[in-house]
Amino acid sequence: MAFGRKPQSMNQLLKEFMRKMPHQTELKRGMVLHLWPSVVGERMNEVIKDVRFEGNKLIVKVENEAWRHEIHMNRFSIAKKLNDRVDSKVVKEIIVRA
């Protein structure tokens, strides 16, 4: 029996479901925090003390100034990778503190 709708991929159905969720932003932020280690890599992740959101800013605390500088210099590419992975612009800015 044909119901007049084309079959959709699971990926498309999940995207549609995510758009309709009332707490979509919070879910995407949680996904970003989960993906952080895989995006920055194991070595950089080892020096991170804390990663959390304050509004749309991702606050990253590191062990020392050298790593603060390293992450600060790469903050735009890290934010882009994270946003690309969650298909959203949930990370507007990364602030790095030592």
C-alpha atoms as a PDB file:
ATOM      1  CA  MET A   1       0.000   0.000   0.000  1.00  0.00           C
ATOM      2  CA  ALA A   2       1.282   3.416  -0.913  1.00  0.00           C
ATOM      3  CA  PHE A   3       0.587   6.245   1.495  1.00  0.00           C
ATOM      4  CA  GLY A   4       1.913   9.026  -0.729  1.00  0.00           C
ATOM      5  CA  ARG A   5       5.125   9.631   1.222  1.00  0.00           C
ATOM      6  CA  LYS A   6       8.583   8.698   0.075  1.00  0.00           C
ATOM      7  CA  PRO A   7      10.653   6.625   2.468  1.00  0.00           C
ATOM      8  CA  GLN A   8      13.127   8.732   4.433  1.00  0.00           C
ATOM      9  CA  SER A   9      16.550   7.795   5.683  1.00  0.00           C
ATOM     10  CA  MET A  10      17.059   7.277   9.401  1.00  0.00           C
ATOM     11  CA  ASN A  11      19.447  10.255   9.377  1.00  0.00           C
ATOM     12  CA  GLN A  12      16.736  12.513   7.923  1.00  0.00           C
ATOM     13  CA  LEU A  13      14.145  11.236  10.395  1.00  0.00           C
ATOM     14  CA  LEU A  14      16.500  11.901  13.327  1.00  0.00           C
ATOM     15  CA  LYS A  15      17.197  15.450  12.101  1.00  0.00           C
ATOM     16  CA  GLU A  16      13.461  16.085  11.808  1.00  0.00           C
ATOM     17  CA  PHE A  17      12.904  14.686  15.307  1.00  0.00           C
ATOM     18  CA  MET A  18      15.711  16.871  16.730  1.00  0.00           C
ATOM     19  CA  ARG A  19      14.221  20.026  15.169  1.00  0.00           C
ATOM     20  CA  LYS A  20      10.917  19.364  16.920  1.00  0.00           C
ATOM     21  CA  MET A  21      12.405  18.735  20.374  1.00  0.00           C
ATOM     22  CA  PRO A  22      11.691  21.540  22.872  1.00  0.00           C
ATOM     23  CA  HIS A  23      15.104  21.327  24.587  1.00  0.00           C
ATOM     24  CA  GLN A  24      17.159  20.990  21.442  1.00  0.00           C
ATOM     25  CA  THR A  25      19.859  23.494  22.506  1.00  0.00           C
ATOM     26  CA  GLU A  26      20.530  21.728  25.809  1.00  0.00           C
ATOM     27  CA  LEU A  27      20.760  18.395  24.034  1.00  0.00           C
ATOM     28  CA  LYS A  28      23.226  19.803  21.474  1.00  0.00           C
ATOM     29  CA  ARG A  29      25.332  21.291  24.291  1.00  0.00           C
ATOM     30  CA  GLY A  30      25.456  17.882  25.954  1.00  0.00           C
ATOM     31  CA  MET A  31      26.528  16.359  22.652  1.00  0.00           C
ATOM     32  CA  VAL A  32      29.312  18.966  22.339  1.00  0.00           C
ATOM     33  CA  LEU A  33      30.625  18.136  25.820  1.00  0.00           C
ATOM     34  CA  HIS A  34      30.560  14.442  24.944  1.00  0.00           C
ATOM     35  CA  LEU A  35      32.381  15.026  21.635  1.00  0.00           C
ATOM     36  CA  TRP A  36      35.011  17.396  23.078  1.00  0.00           C
ATOM     37  CA  PRO A  37      37.694  14.690  23.696  1.00  0.00           C
ATOM     38  CA  SER A  38      37.408  13.227  20.213  1.00  0.00           C
ATOM     39  CA  VAL A  39      37.569  16.675  18.566  1.00  0.00           C
ATOM     40  CA  VAL A  40      40.586  18.053  20.489  1.00  0.00           C
ATOM     41  CA  GLY A  41      42.442  14.765  20.791  1.00  0.00           C
ATOM     42  CA  GLU A  42      43.679  12.728  23.731  1.00  0.00           C
ATOM     43  CA  ARG A  43      46.824  14.765  24.440  1.00  0.00           C
ATOM     44  CA  MET A  44      45.017  18.106  24.654  1.00  0.00           C
ATOM     45  CA  ASN A  45      42.085  16.603  26.549  1.00  0.00           C
ATOM     46  CA  GLU A  46      44.473  15.358  29.268  1.00  0.00           C
ATOM     47  CA  VAL A  47      45.357  18.942  30.286  1.00  0.00           C
ATOM     48  CA  ILE A  48      41.734  20.107  30.482  1.00  0.00           C
ATOM     49  CA  LYS A  49      40.432  20.552  34.036  1.00  0.00           C
ATOM     50  CA  ASP A  50      36.883  21.532  33.127  1.00  0.00           C
ATOM     51  CA  VAL A  51      34.690  22.154  30.081  1.00  0.00           C
ATOM     52  CA  ARG A  52      31.264  23.689  30.537  1.00  0.00           C
ATOM     53  CA  PHE A  53      28.772  26.015  28.935  1.00  0.00           C
ATOM     54  CA  GLU A  54      27.899  29.474  30.211  1.00  0.00           C
ATOM     55  CA  GLY A  55      25.086  30.462  27.897  1.00  0.00           C
ATOM     56  CA  ASN A  56      26.380  29.991  24.358  1.00  0.00           C
ATOM     57  CA  LYS A  57      30.040  30.268  25.425  1.00  0.00           C
ATOM     58  CA  LEU A  58      32.119  27.159  26.001  1.00  0.00           C
ATOM     59  CA  ILE A  59      34.406  27.725  28.991  1.00  0.00           C
ATOM     60  CA  VAL A  60      37.576  25.616  29.044  1.00  0.00           C
ATOM     61  CA  LYS A  61      39.893  25.477  32.066  1.00  0.00           C
ATOM     62  CA  VAL A  62      43.418  24.170  31.505  1.00  0.00           C
ATOM     63  CA  GLU A  63      46.388  23.269  33.704  1.00  0.00           C
ATOM     64  CA  ASN A  64      48.857  25.905  32.493  1.00  0.00           C
ATOM     65  CA  GLU A  65      49.418  29.013  30.377  1.00  0.00           C
ATOM     66  CA  ALA A  66      51.124  27.157  27.527  1.00  0.00           C
ATOM     67  CA  TRP A  67      48.053  24.990  26.947  1.00  0.00           C
ATOM     68  CA  ARG A  68      45.759  27.991  27.430  1.00  0.00           C
ATOM     69  CA  HIS A  69      47.596  29.730  24.605  1.00  0.00           C
ATOM     70  CA  GLU A  70      47.526  26.623  22.387  1.00  0.00           C
ATOM     71  CA  ILE A  71      43.781  26.126  22.761  1.00  0.00           C
ATOM     72  CA  HIS A  72      43.110  29.868  22.468  1.00  0.00           C
ATOM     73  CA  MET A  73      44.955  29.961  19.141  1.00  0.00           C
ATOM     74  CA  ASN A  74      42.861  27.044  17.852  1.00  0.00           C
ATOM     75  CA  ARG A  75      39.508  28.053  19.378  1.00  0.00           C
ATOM     76  CA  PHE A  76      37.828  28.985  16.097  1.00  0.00           C
ATOM     77  CA  SER A  77      38.685  25.708  14.369  1.00  0.00           C
ATOM     78  CA  ILE A  78      37.695  23.714  17.486  1.00  0.00           C
ATOM     79  CA  ALA A  79      34.338  25.531  17.665  1.00  0.00           C
ATOM     80  CA  LYS A  80      33.730  24.910  13.955  1.00  0.00           C
ATOM     81  CA  LYS A  81      34.496  21.192  14.295  1.00  0.00           C
ATOM     82  CA  LEU A  82      32.206  20.860  17.322  1.00  0.00           C
ATOM     83  CA  ASN A  83      29.387  22.768  15.624  1.00  0.00           C
ATOM     84  CA  ASP A  84      29.796  20.695  12.465  1.00  0.00           C
ATOM     85  CA  ARG A  85      29.624  17.448  14.438  1.00  0.00           C
ATOM     86  CA  VAL A  86      26.321  18.430  16.100  1.00  0.00           C
ATOM     87  CA  ASP A  87      24.962  20.156  12.977  1.00  0.00           C
ATOM     88  CA  SER A  88      24.287  23.388  14.864  1.00  0.00           C
ATOM     89  CA  LYS A  89      25.973  26.658  15.858  1.00  0.00           C
ATOM     90  CA  VAL A  90      25.603  25.912  19.572  1.00  0.00           C
ATOM     91  CA  VAL A  91      29.193  26.996  20.360  1.00  0.00           C
ATOM     92  CA  LYS A  92      29.351  30.728  19.650  1.00  0.00           C
ATOM     93  CA  GLU A  93      32.647  31.327  21.454  1.00  0.00           C
ATOM     94  CA  ILE A  94      35.337  29.399  23.324  1.00  0.00           C
ATOM     95  CA  ILE A  95      36.915  31.077  26.338  1.00  0.00           C
ATOM     96  CA  VAL A  96      40.075  29.469  27.691  1.00  0.00           C
ATOM     97  CA  ARG A  97      41.227  30.008  31.275  1.00  0.00           C
ATOM     98  CA  ALA A  98      44.301  28.761  33.111  1.00  0.00           C
END
